[in-house]
Amino acid sequence: MKENMIREFAAAVIITMTAIGVSAQQAGVRATRSRDRKASHSVSGTTSRVVVVGPSTTFLKMGLSEEEVVTFLGEPESKAQAWHGGRSITTYSYDRGYGRVLRIEFKEGLLAGYRNEAKAEDVKQ
């Protein structure tokens, strides 16, 4: 009799904990979807010294056009263009704050690579 009560109590605890876990996961998914929608529809027209790239699930996909990247991240702090092997390579730089810079490279107008770097300090002589 006592063993049955213990089993029933343990089963009730497991069911309750499972229900709480599922509920928490669903709330987290709803919150993430809400942030994703807000991030994908809000491109600020103000200039900021630090680029906020939306929710943590946002990433840059190779092959995006320059226009798509600017839509996601806003206008870059600086742009540079060079020619290598007859191909145009454009580099966008975004100040990330805390001495970091996001550099994005486009080859022939399509995203070819990106990296975070330490900001080079201006050398004064």
Protein backbone atom coordinates (compact mmCIF):
# COMPACT_ATOMS: atom_id res chain seq x y z
CA MET A 1 0.00 0.00 0.00
CA LYS A 2 2.76 2.42 0.99
CA GLU A 3 4.78 1.47 -2.12
CA ASN A 4 1.77 2.23 -4.35
CA MET A 5 1.41 5.67 -2.79
CA ILE A 6 5.10 6.38 -3.34
CA ARG A 7 4.86 5.27 -6.99
CA GLU A 8 1.75 7.38 -7.56
CA PHE A 9 3.40 10.39 -5.93
CA ALA A 10 6.57 9.92 -8.01
CA ALA A 11 4.50 9.59 -11.20
CA ALA A 12 2.57 12.77 -10.32
CA VAL A 13 5.81 14.67 -9.71
CA ILE A 14 7.30 13.48 -13.01
CA ILE A 15 4.15 14.42 -14.94
CA THR A 16 4.02 17.85 -13.27
CA MET A 17 7.71 18.56 -13.94
CA THR A 18 7.34 17.46 -17.57
CA ALA A 19 4.33 19.76 -18.02
CA ILE A 20 6.24 22.68 -16.51
CA GLY A 21 9.23 22.01 -18.80
CA VAL A 22 7.08 21.83 -21.92
CA SER A 23 5.27 25.02 -20.95
CA ALA A 24 8.57 26.84 -20.40
CA GLN A 25 9.91 25.66 -23.77
CA GLN A 26 6.77 26.84 -25.57
CA ALA A 27 6.98 30.24 -23.85
CA GLY A 28 10.64 30.51 -24.94
CA VAL A 29 9.75 29.65 -28.54
CA ARG A 30 6.99 32.27 -28.56
CA ALA A 31 9.36 34.90 -27.14
CA THR A 32 12.04 34.04 -29.73
CA ARG A 33 9.55 34.23 -32.58
CA SER A 34 8.37 37.60 -31.29
CA ARG A 35 11.96 38.93 -31.15
CA ASP A 36 12.66 37.53 -34.64
CA ARG A 37 9.62 39.33 -36.05
CA LYS A 38 10.56 42.58 -34.36
CA ALA A 39 14.18 42.34 -35.50
CA SER A 40 13.27 41.53 -39.09
CA HIS A 41 10.92 44.49 -39.35
CA SER A 42 12.77 47.18 -37.44
CA VAL A 43 15.69 48.75 -39.24
CA SER A 44 16.59 51.91 -37.42
CA GLY A 45 17.30 55.04 -39.43
CA THR A 46 19.52 56.46 -36.70
CA THR A 47 23.25 56.08 -36.75
CA SER A 48 24.64 54.05 -33.91
CA ARG A 49 28.21 53.51 -32.85
CA VAL A 50 27.43 49.88 -31.94
CA VAL A 51 25.68 47.53 -34.35
CA VAL A 52 23.01 45.34 -32.78
CA VAL A 53 22.46 42.32 -35.01
CA GLY A 54 19.06 41.24 -33.68
CA PRO A 55 18.44 38.04 -31.78
CA SER A 56 21.22 35.59 -31.11
CA THR A 57 19.91 33.35 -33.91
CA THR A 58 20.71 35.99 -36.55
CA PHE A 59 23.64 35.09 -38.76
CA LEU A 60 25.04 36.22 -42.09
CA LYS A 61 24.58 33.74 -44.89
CA MET A 62 27.11 33.51 -47.70
CA GLY A 63 25.73 34.78 -50.98
CA LEU A 64 23.59 37.60 -49.53
CA SER A 65 23.69 40.76 -51.60
CA GLU A 66 25.12 44.04 -50.30
CA GLU A 67 21.59 45.45 -50.14
CA GLU A 68 20.35 42.55 -48.00
CA VAL A 69 23.22 42.96 -45.53
CA VAL A 70 22.58 46.71 -45.26
CA THR A 71 18.90 45.93 -44.62
CA PHE A 72 19.89 43.62 -41.74
CA LEU A 73 22.72 45.66 -40.22
CA GLY A 74 22.20 49.24 -41.42
CA GLU A 75 24.73 51.41 -43.18
CA PRO A 76 28.37 50.50 -42.47
CA GLU A 77 30.72 52.87 -40.68
CA SER A 78 33.09 52.63 -43.66
CA LYS A 79 33.40 50.99 -47.06
CA ALA A 80 36.52 50.07 -49.02
CA GLN A 81 36.81 48.67 -52.53
CA ALA A 82 39.72 46.86 -54.17
CA TRP A 83 40.33 44.80 -57.28
CA HIS A 84 41.97 41.35 -57.09
CA GLY A 85 42.35 39.21 -60.18
CA GLY A 86 39.93 41.41 -62.10
CA ARG A 87 37.20 40.93 -59.45
CA SER A 88 35.70 43.67 -57.33
CA ILE A 89 36.04 43.12 -53.56
CA THR A 90 34.17 45.48 -51.27
CA THR A 91 34.69 45.51 -47.50
CA TYR A 92 32.12 46.98 -45.10
CA SER A 93 33.18 47.79 -41.53
CA TYR A 94 30.78 47.99 -38.58
CA ASP A 95 31.86 49.23 -35.14
CA ARG A 96 30.78 46.57 -32.61
CA GLY A 97 31.90 48.48 -29.51
CA TYR A 98 34.44 47.39 -26.92
CA GLY A 99 37.25 47.74 -29.45
CA ARG A 100 35.78 45.23 -31.94
CA VAL A 101 34.98 45.71 -35.65
CA LEU A 102 32.85 43.48 -37.87
CA ARG A 103 34.35 43.31 -41.38
CA ILE A 104 32.19 41.94 -44.18
CA GLU A 105 33.64 41.16 -47.62
CA PHE A 106 31.66 41.05 -50.84
CA LYS A 107 32.97 39.62 -54.10
CA GLU A 108 31.10 40.89 -57.13
CA GLY A 109 28.34 42.21 -54.84
CA LEU A 110 27.72 38.94 -52.92
CA LEU A 111 28.73 38.12 -49.33
CA ALA A 112 31.93 36.07 -49.45
CA GLY A 113 33.12 36.26 -45.84
CA TYR A 114 33.06 38.11 -42.54
CA ARG A 115 35.14 38.32 -39.38
CA ASN A 116 35.31 40.12 -36.05
CA GLU A 117 38.58 41.92 -35.41
CA ALA A 118 40.16 44.13 -32.79
CA LYS A 119 39.89 47.76 -33.84
CA ALA A 120 43.16 49.20 -35.11
CA GLU A 121 44.02 52.26 -33.03
CA ASP A 122 45.00 55.44 -34.81
CA VAL A 123 48.75 55.93 -34.57
CA LYS A 124 49.70 59.55 -33.83
CA GLN A 125 53.24 60.73 -34.34
